[in-house]
Every structure is written in C-alpha cells, then in structure tokens.
Protein backbone atom coordinates (compact mmCIF):
# COMPACT_ATOMS: atom_id res chain seq x y z
CA MET A 1 49.79 68.24 333.25
CA LEU A 2 52.01 69.92 330.68
CA THR A 3 55.04 67.93 329.59
CA ASP A 4 58.59 69.24 329.80
CA ARG A 5 58.88 68.73 326.04
CA ALA A 6 55.87 70.97 325.36
CA LEU A 7 57.18 73.68 327.67
CA THR A 8 60.61 73.53 326.02
CA MET A 9 59.01 73.83 322.58
CA SER A 10 56.85 76.69 323.84
CA ARG A 11 59.85 78.67 325.03
CA GLU A 12 61.51 78.13 321.67
CA VAL A 13 58.42 79.48 319.89
CA LEU A 14 58.43 82.53 322.14
CA ARG A 15 62.14 83.05 321.58
CA THR A 16 61.48 83.51 317.86
CA ALA A 17 58.03 85.12 318.19
CA PRO A 18 57.63 86.76 321.63
CA ILE A 19 54.17 87.56 322.90
CA LEU A 20 52.60 90.83 321.77
CA ASP A 21 49.84 91.21 324.34
CA GLY A 22 46.89 93.41 323.43
CA HIS A 23 45.92 94.83 326.80
CA ASN A 24 47.54 95.35 330.20
CA ASP A 25 46.14 97.76 332.80
CA LEU A 26 49.32 98.17 334.86
CA PRO A 27 49.36 101.99 334.42
CA TRP A 28 45.96 102.38 336.09
CA ALA A 29 46.84 99.77 338.74
CA LEU A 30 49.91 101.83 339.64
CA ARG A 31 47.82 104.97 339.81
CA LYS A 32 45.40 103.27 342.21
CA ILE A 33 48.28 102.06 344.39
CA ALA A 34 49.58 105.65 344.43
CA GLY A 35 46.24 106.82 345.81
CA GLY A 36 45.16 108.32 342.51
CA ASP A 37 48.24 110.49 342.18
CA PRO A 38 49.35 110.41 338.51
CA VAL A 39 52.71 112.02 339.33
CA ALA A 40 53.67 109.40 341.92
CA ALA A 41 52.27 106.42 340.02
CA ALA A 42 55.39 105.52 338.03
CA SER A 43 57.54 105.39 341.16
CA VAL A 44 55.11 103.76 343.59
CA LEU A 45 56.54 100.28 342.86
CA ASP A 46 59.94 99.15 341.62
CA LEU A 47 59.06 96.94 338.66
CA ARG A 48 62.49 95.31 338.83
CA VAL A 49 61.42 93.73 342.12
CA ALA A 50 58.88 90.93 342.00
CA GLY A 51 55.87 91.61 344.19
CA THR A 52 52.28 90.59 344.82
CA GLU A 53 50.51 93.90 344.35
CA THR A 54 50.31 93.57 340.56
CA HIS A 55 50.16 90.83 337.92
CA THR A 56 53.03 92.48 336.06
CA ASP A 57 56.68 93.22 336.70
CA ILE A 58 59.78 93.02 334.56
CA ALA A 59 60.95 89.60 335.75
CA ARG A 60 57.56 88.04 335.08
CA LEU A 61 57.32 89.68 331.67
CA ARG A 62 60.65 88.03 330.87
CA ARG A 63 59.53 84.63 332.18
CA GLY A 64 56.33 84.96 330.20
CA GLY A 65 58.12 85.54 326.92
CA VAL A 66 56.42 88.92 326.50
CA GLY A 67 58.29 90.94 323.89
CA ALA A 68 55.71 93.65 323.25
CA GLN A 69 52.89 95.05 325.31
CA PHE A 70 50.00 97.38 324.60
CA TRP A 71 49.81 99.29 327.88
CA SER A 72 46.26 100.53 328.41
CA VAL A 73 46.08 104.28 329.03
CA TYR A 74 42.66 103.74 330.55
CA VAL A 75 40.53 106.27 332.40
CA PRO A 76 37.17 105.34 333.99
CA CYS A 77 33.92 106.46 332.41
CA GLY A 78 33.38 108.73 335.42
CA PHE A 79 35.90 111.05 333.81
CA THR A 80 34.09 113.07 331.16
CA GLY A 81 34.81 116.02 328.90
CA HIS A 82 38.03 117.89 329.61
CA SER A 83 38.71 115.82 332.74
CA ALA A 84 38.81 112.67 330.62
CA VAL A 85 41.28 114.26 328.19
CA THR A 86 43.48 115.41 331.08
CA ALA A 87 43.39 111.97 332.69
CA VAL A 88 44.33 110.11 329.51
CA LEU A 89 47.23 112.50 328.93
CA GLU A 90 48.41 111.75 332.47
CA GLN A 91 48.24 108.03 331.72
CA VAL A 92 50.17 108.47 328.47
CA GLU A 93 52.85 110.36 330.40
CA LEU A 94 52.95 107.58 332.99
CA VAL A 95 53.80 104.96 330.34
CA HIS A 96 56.52 107.19 328.89
CA ASP A 97 57.84 107.70 332.42
CA LEU A 98 57.94 103.92 333.00
CA ALA A 99 59.96 103.44 329.81
CA ALA A 100 62.36 106.18 330.92
CA ARG A 101 62.75 104.59 334.39
CA TYR A 102 63.54 101.13 333.00
CA PRO A 103 65.47 101.76 329.77
CA GLN A 104 67.24 98.40 330.02
CA ASP A 105 63.90 96.63 329.79
CA LEU A 106 61.20 98.84 328.22
CA ARG A 107 61.22 100.87 325.01
CA ILE A 108 58.39 102.96 323.57
CA ALA A 109 57.48 101.79 320.05
CA TYR A 110 55.44 103.70 317.50
CA THR A 111 55.56 101.35 314.47
CA ALA A 112 55.65 97.64 313.70
CA HIS A 113 59.29 98.02 312.68
CA GLU A 114 60.13 99.65 316.01
CA VAL A 115 58.38 96.80 317.83
CA GLU A 116 60.50 94.26 315.97
CA THR A 117 63.68 96.26 316.58
CA ALA A 118 62.97 96.57 320.30
CA MET A 119 62.30 92.85 320.61
CA ALA A 120 65.50 92.05 318.69
CA ASP A 121 67.39 94.30 321.14
CA GLY A 122 65.96 92.41 324.11
CA LYS A 123 63.52 95.12 325.18
CA VAL A 124 59.79 94.87 325.86
CA ALA A 125 58.34 97.07 323.12
CA SER A 126 55.86 99.38 324.81
CA LEU A 127 52.83 100.46 322.81
CA LEU A 128 49.93 102.55 324.06
CA GLY A 129 46.23 101.81 323.74
CA ALA A 130 43.53 104.26 324.85
CA GLU A 131 40.58 102.44 326.40
CA GLY A 132 37.32 104.28 325.86
CA GLY A 133 36.40 106.92 323.30
CA HIS A 134 35.18 109.23 326.07
CA CYS A 135 38.85 110.20 326.49
CA ILE A 136 38.78 112.35 323.33
CA ALA A 137 35.69 114.33 324.44
CA GLU A 138 34.28 114.26 320.88
CA SER A 139 37.35 116.03 319.53
CA LEU A 140 39.19 114.79 316.45
CA GLY A 141 41.99 117.16 317.45
CA ALA A 142 42.37 115.31 320.76
CA LEU A 143 42.43 112.02 318.82
CA ARG A 144 45.24 113.34 316.60
CA ALA A 145 47.17 114.54 319.64
CA LEU A 146 46.95 111.09 321.24
CA PHE A 147 48.31 109.53 318.07
CA ARG A 148 51.19 112.01 318.03
CA LEU A 149 51.98 110.98 321.63
CA GLY A 150 52.18 107.31 320.68
CA VAL A 151 48.65 105.92 321.12
CA ARG A 152 48.22 103.21 318.50
CA TYR A 153 44.74 101.97 319.26
CA MET A 154 41.60 103.38 320.78
CA THR A 155 38.79 101.25 322.16
CA LEU A 156 35.71 103.04 320.86
CA THR A 157 33.82 102.70 324.16
CA HIS A 158 34.42 101.37 327.61
CA ASN A 159 31.55 100.16 329.82
CA ASP A 160 29.33 103.18 329.07
CA ASN A 161 28.13 104.50 325.74
CA VAL A 162 29.76 107.53 324.21
CA PRO A 163 27.51 109.94 322.30
CA TRP A 164 28.71 108.46 319.01
CA ALA A 165 28.96 104.71 319.76
CA ASP A 166 27.14 102.06 321.77
CA SER A 167 28.86 99.96 324.44
CA ALA A 168 28.15 96.27 325.02
CA THR A 169 27.33 96.96 328.68
CA ASP A 170 25.01 99.97 328.33
CA GLU A 171 21.52 100.49 326.92
CA PRO A 172 21.50 101.01 323.12
CA ALA A 173 21.34 104.68 322.18
CA ALA A 174 23.21 105.38 318.95
CA GLY A 175 22.22 102.13 317.25
CA GLY A 176 25.89 101.34 316.63
CA LEU A 177 27.95 104.20 315.24
CA THR A 178 26.55 107.66 314.54
CA GLY A 179 27.79 109.80 311.65
CA PHE A 180 30.42 111.30 313.92
CA GLY A 181 31.38 107.80 315.03
CA ARG A 182 32.09 106.94 311.42
CA GLU A 183 34.19 110.10 311.16
CA VAL A 184 36.21 108.92 314.18
CA VAL A 185 36.84 105.54 312.54
CA GLY A 186 37.80 107.25 309.28
CA GLU A 187 40.24 109.55 311.06
CA MET A 188 41.76 106.62 312.94
CA ASN A 189 42.31 104.89 309.60
CA ARG A 190 43.95 108.03 308.21
CA LEU A 191 46.25 108.35 311.22
CA GLY A 192 47.18 104.68 311.39
CA MET A 193 45.52 104.17 314.79
CA LEU A 194 43.90 100.76 315.17
CA VAL A 195 40.14 100.66 315.76
CA ASP A 196 39.64 98.52 318.87
CA LEU A 197 36.22 96.88 319.16
CA SER A 198 36.52 95.32 322.60
CA HIS A 199 33.78 96.64 324.93
CA VAL A 200 31.50 97.78 322.09
CA ALA A 201 28.03 96.51 321.22
CA PRO A 202 27.67 94.06 318.31
CA SER A 203 25.90 96.81 316.34
CA THR A 204 28.97 99.03 316.83
CA MET A 205 31.26 96.16 315.79
CA ARG A 206 29.33 95.67 312.56
CA ASP A 207 29.15 99.39 311.77
CA ALA A 208 32.88 99.75 312.39
CA LEU A 209 33.64 96.83 310.09
CA ASP A 210 31.39 98.41 307.44
CA THR A 211 33.28 101.71 307.83
CA SER A 212 36.93 100.83 308.41
CA VAL A 213 39.26 100.44 305.44
CA ALA A 214 42.05 99.22 307.75
CA PRO A 215 42.16 96.08 309.89
CA VAL A 216 40.41 96.34 313.26
CA ILE A 217 41.32 94.59 316.49
CA PHE A 218 39.64 93.27 319.59
CA SER A 219 42.37 94.01 322.14
CA HIS A 220 40.86 91.82 324.89
CA SER A 221 37.73 89.86 323.95
CA SER A 222 36.78 86.19 323.71
CA CYS A 223 34.13 84.15 321.87
CA ARG A 224 30.42 84.52 322.53
CA ALA A 225 29.64 81.08 321.09
CA VAL A 226 31.82 79.54 323.81
CA ALA A 227 30.66 81.79 326.68
CA ASP A 228 27.56 83.91 326.13
CA HIS A 229 28.80 87.11 327.76
CA VAL A 230 28.10 90.55 326.26
CA ARG A 231 31.82 91.36 326.25
CA ASN A 232 32.54 88.54 323.82
CA VAL A 233 32.48 88.54 320.03
CA PRO A 234 29.61 86.93 318.06
CA ASP A 235 30.54 84.42 315.37
CA ASP A 236 29.26 86.54 312.49
CA VAL A 237 31.67 89.30 313.54
CA LEU A 238 34.57 86.89 314.03
CA ALA A 239 33.95 85.53 310.55
CA ARG A 240 34.27 89.04 309.07
CA LEU A 241 37.82 89.45 310.38
CA ALA A 242 39.22 87.42 307.50
CA GLY A 243 37.87 89.91 304.96
CA ASN A 244 38.88 92.90 307.06
CA GLY A 245 42.33 91.58 307.96
CA GLY A 246 41.78 92.17 311.68
CA VAL A 247 42.61 90.20 314.81
CA CYS A 248 40.65 89.06 317.85
CA MET A 249 43.00 88.99 320.85
CA VAL A 250 41.51 86.44 323.23
CA THR A 251 41.26 87.59 326.83
CA PHE A 252 41.54 85.62 330.07
CA VAL A 253 38.93 87.37 332.26
CA PRO A 254 37.21 84.48 334.10
CA LYS A 255 33.67 85.84 334.05
CA PHE A 256 33.95 86.48 330.29
CA VAL A 257 35.27 83.04 329.39
CA SER A 258 33.21 80.76 331.66
CA GLU A 259 29.40 80.74 331.57
CA GLU A 260 29.38 78.54 334.67
CA LEU A 261 31.43 81.03 336.67
CA ALA A 262 29.38 83.98 335.41
CA ALA A 263 26.18 82.21 336.52
CA TRP A 264 27.67 81.40 339.94
CA ASP A 265 28.69 85.03 340.42
CA ALA A 266 25.25 86.23 339.30
CA ASP A 267 23.58 83.97 341.87
CA LEU A 268 25.90 85.30 344.59
CA LYS A 269 25.07 88.88 343.61
CA ALA A 270 21.35 88.10 343.82
CA GLU A 271 21.83 86.54 347.27
CA LEU A 272 23.68 89.59 348.58
CA VAL A 273 21.07 92.00 347.20
CA ARG A 274 18.29 89.88 348.72
CA ASP A 275 20.05 90.09 352.08
CA GLY A 276 20.37 93.88 351.83
CA LYS A 277 24.11 93.83 351.20
CA ASP A 278 26.07 95.77 348.58
CA PRO A 279 27.73 93.38 346.08
CA GLU A 280 29.93 96.22 344.83
CA ASP A 281 31.64 96.43 348.23
CA ASP A 282 34.84 94.40 347.90
CA ALA A 283 34.79 93.18 351.49
CA VAL A 284 31.12 92.18 351.28
CA TRP A 285 31.74 90.37 348.01
CA ALA A 286 34.77 88.49 349.36
CA GLU A 287 32.91 87.38 352.48
CA GLY A 288 29.86 86.34 350.47
CA ARG A 289 32.00 84.42 347.99
CA LEU A 290 33.68 82.42 350.75
CA ALA A 291 30.33 81.55 352.32
CA ARG A 292 28.73 80.49 349.04
CA ASP A 293 31.85 78.55 347.98
CA ALA A 294 31.54 76.49 351.16
CA ARG A 295 28.02 75.50 350.12
CA ILE A 296 28.38 75.36 346.32
CA ALA A 297 31.87 75.03 344.88
CA ARG A 298 32.82 77.96 342.65
CA PRO A 299 33.55 76.75 339.09
CA LYS A 300 37.23 76.69 338.16
CA VAL A 301 38.64 78.53 335.16
CA THR A 302 41.85 77.07 333.77
CA ILE A 303 44.18 77.24 330.80
CA GLU A 304 41.90 74.70 329.10
CA THR A 305 39.03 77.22 329.32
CA ILE A 306 41.14 79.73 327.39
CA VAL A 307 42.20 77.06 324.88
CA LYS A 308 38.53 76.53 324.01
CA HIS A 309 38.17 80.22 323.11
CA VAL A 310 41.44 80.34 321.15
CA GLU A 311 40.51 77.25 319.16
CA HIS A 312 37.00 78.52 318.44
CA ALA A 313 38.36 81.87 317.26
CA ARG A 314 40.80 80.01 315.01
CA GLU A 315 37.98 77.90 313.59
CA VAL A 316 35.70 80.85 312.80
CA ALA A 317 38.10 83.72 312.01
CA GLY A 318 41.10 81.73 310.79
CA ILE A 319 44.61 81.26 312.10
CA ASP A 320 45.76 84.62 310.70
CA HIS A 321 43.18 86.56 312.72
CA ILE A 322 43.76 85.64 316.35
CA GLY A 323 45.99 86.93 319.13
CA LEU A 324 46.16 87.30 322.92
CA GLY A 325 45.10 90.13 325.24
CA GLY A 326 45.24 88.95 328.83
CA ASP A 327 43.80 92.04 330.61
CA TYR A 328 46.38 91.65 333.36
CA ASP A 329 46.10 94.18 336.20
CA GLY A 330 42.63 95.05 334.98
CA VAL A 331 40.88 92.22 336.86
CA SER A 332 41.07 90.80 340.38
CA GLU A 333 41.42 87.14 339.41
CA LEU A 334 42.69 85.09 336.48
CA PRO A 335 42.57 81.46 335.35
CA GLU A 336 44.62 78.77 337.07
CA GLY A 337 47.99 78.64 335.34
CA LEU A 338 47.61 82.18 333.98
CA GLU A 339 47.67 84.07 337.26
CA ASP A 340 50.17 86.66 336.02
CA VAL A 341 52.10 87.62 332.88
CA SER A 342 54.56 84.75 333.35
CA GLY A 343 51.90 82.24 332.29
CA TYR A 344 52.07 82.60 328.51
CA PRO A 345 54.53 79.71 327.95
CA ALA A 346 52.07 77.34 329.63
CA LEU A 347 49.26 78.45 327.30
CA ILE A 348 51.42 78.00 324.20
CA ALA A 349 52.55 74.60 325.53
CA ALA A 350 48.91 73.55 325.95
CA LEU A 351 48.25 74.44 322.32
CA LEU A 352 51.34 72.56 321.14
CA GLU A 353 50.08 69.51 323.01
CA ARG A 354 46.85 69.82 321.03
CA SER A 355 48.85 69.54 317.79
CA TRP A 356 49.15 73.23 317.02
CA SER A 357 52.20 73.82 314.88
CA PRO A 358 54.99 76.12 316.10
CA GLU A 359 54.21 78.42 313.16
CA ASP A 360 50.54 78.72 314.15
CA CYS A 361 51.54 79.41 317.76
CA ALA A 362 53.93 82.11 316.52
CA LYS A 363 51.06 83.75 314.62
CA LEU A 364 48.93 83.74 317.75
CA ALA A 365 51.77 85.05 319.91
CA SER A 366 52.68 88.14 317.90
CA ARG A 367 52.98 87.72 314.15
CA ASN A 368 49.31 88.38 313.45
CA ALA A 369 49.27 91.50 315.62
CA LEU A 370 52.45 92.79 313.99
CA ARG A 371 50.95 92.25 310.56
CA VAL A 372 47.86 94.24 311.58
CA LEU A 373 50.01 97.11 312.82
CA ARG A 374 51.95 97.12 309.58
CA ASP A 375 48.80 96.94 307.44
CA ALA A 376 47.26 99.88 309.32
CA GLU A 377 50.42 101.91 308.70
CA GLN A 378 50.23 101.15 304.98
CA VAL A 379 46.55 102.12 304.82
CA ALA A 380 47.33 105.38 306.61
CA ALA A 381 50.16 106.20 304.21
CA ARG A 382 47.85 105.65 301.24
CA LEU A 383 45.03 107.72 302.74
CA GLN A 384 47.38 110.56 303.61
CA ARG A 385 48.58 110.67 300.01
CA THR A 386 45.08 110.64 298.55
CA GLN A 387 43.24 112.84 301.07
CA LEU A 388 45.38 115.98 300.94
C-alpha cells in the first residue's frame, strides 16, 4: 500500500519533471473505434470527456503527470508498399488533427526545446513515433518526408521482418541489418530521427548499435533477464546503452513483463487449439480465459512487477539510460495500479518508497528522454555540416 507521503512526493517530482512517455497507441485505437476511417478517427471520441473505450484521455493524462507523449503513428504489417506509406501519413495527420482539436491541452513538438516549452506552458507536448519500418516502403525519401512532418523516431520493425531488418517475432532472414538497413540508420542519424529498437531481433539491436552515431531508444521494451520474452532487451544490449547514450523505456505489457503470465497464456492457447478453437478470436479467448482462471488462477501483474524491470534496467544500463513507455491503448490489459495513463504517480511513488531519490525519478520520468532527443539533434546538426 503506497503511503500518502510517497504519493505527495511523487506528484512533486512530476510537477518538476513530467512524464515523457515513449509509446501510446491512441491514434490507432481511435481509428479502430471509427471503423477504420482515418478521416473520422480524430472526432470519434471527445478526449475532454473521460470514458472507458481507451486508456487515454486528457483528464487522465493530467492526473498521470504526463507532460510529453510520443504518439505512435502505427500501421499494421498487413499494410505494405504504397499502402503502408499512405496509412502512416493518415496517422500522422490524425495526430496533428488531435492537437488542432485540443489546443488548450496538446501541442505538437519537433525538438527537445519545444517539448520543454510546451510543458512549461501547461500543454502535453505531442511527439510522433512511426512504429515499423515497413511504413517507408524501402524509400529514404519517404523517411525524410516523415521527419519533415514531425516523426521523431522510427521503430525499425514491427512484428514482421522488413527486407532490411529482422524482427524479434519473425524468423531470421537478414541476420540483423542489411546494407540498406545500415543506410536507414545512417539517414536517421543525419535527420535527427531516433532509432527505435523495440520489436527488433537482438541481432538487429546489436547491428544498430554498431552503426548508429547517435543515441538509440527502446520506446517500449522491458528486461529479458527479468522476463524471458523475445520482445525484451538482453543484458548485453542494455549494457551498451551507456556507451551509446541511449535509453530503454520500460513497458508495462503484462505478457512481456511476467514469465508466469506468459506461461499461463501459452497453456491456455494450447488448450484452445487442442479443442479445435481459435485462440485469436477475442470472444473465444475471453471465454477460455474465464474457464481456465476458475481452475488455475491467472498470475497477477502489478506495479511491483514493473518496478523489478525498472530496477534491473537501472542496474545494467545505468540511471541515465532508462525511461518509461507504457504502450497504453496498444494492449487489452495492463498491470494492477497502471490500468490507464493516470497511473504514473503510483509507479514513481513505489520507486520513492524503495529509496529512489527524487532526482533519479526525474531522470526516469523525462530528463533522460529529453537528453536523448537533444543529443540526437546535435549529432544531426554535425552530420549535416560535414556531409554536404
């Protein structure tokens, strides 16, 4: 049970260093609610009114102490080639539309300085992150266009490989990064776009770290030594962040952070398949989960589960190389106490109760991520001067 004192201290930390969250899938969630219509997506819900259809609205962002958000301009891997480029442009426009609809609360930010200015003005600084390199359709021109439109990171892959990089959840094909993959990383460095290594295979992580001359990020990944899931980061990669200057933004996705829960879900999936049922059907899955939970209690994931990942990342990468990327509105469930974006003060309070200093909590909340943004901008300025 968190004490009132810890929660009060937490809110004070977040007053001086608001959360900069690495990954929120609200734009795609809105598009799904709008029946796939990208034009209607921004208006399908009033974000000034608290609701239950999403993990995110303006009131809960405020309660959560969120001062800056990387909105994911995600498109599924089923979009390929020109359709993927079109879809990501529609998602970029959606985020700009949201900022225009709620100017009292949201402001598009392109630089670290603009993030700080927006936060100082009481706005939620709105950054864009493209999730999945398939959205550029192997075009450096498309990559440059996304940067011009405000995209400040790109996740090199999503769940499927791209021709130039291997994903963590696909069969190895490229062996990490291909030559063109290294060109993509180099161009991202030159632009000032952060290289995001969430979703990629460890071989891709290592190749990207060998290639990048700017800090990299993991926008929403946790620690493989704590929970052995392919979406998490191995210790040898975490340890390299200190030399690279990058940041691992710990995510809250239950099946990534709890081996016990992942095993329980895997057993349920096997049961459903054995019984001739489709585990990908939401209704079938929900019914099966209730039935199995009545027989074998489903493991709980709590704030303490996330604390284990944050503390391990701090131990291996160092306090200057960690952050938070909840993956809100990108998953169907979240840990107890972190059910929506209002939960960040409770997480910071839990760390304060474990003798984290307010300064270290401020680094985790946003200062590390802001430093990475600023460093990437400085690298880009140098490369643009020297690579004319």
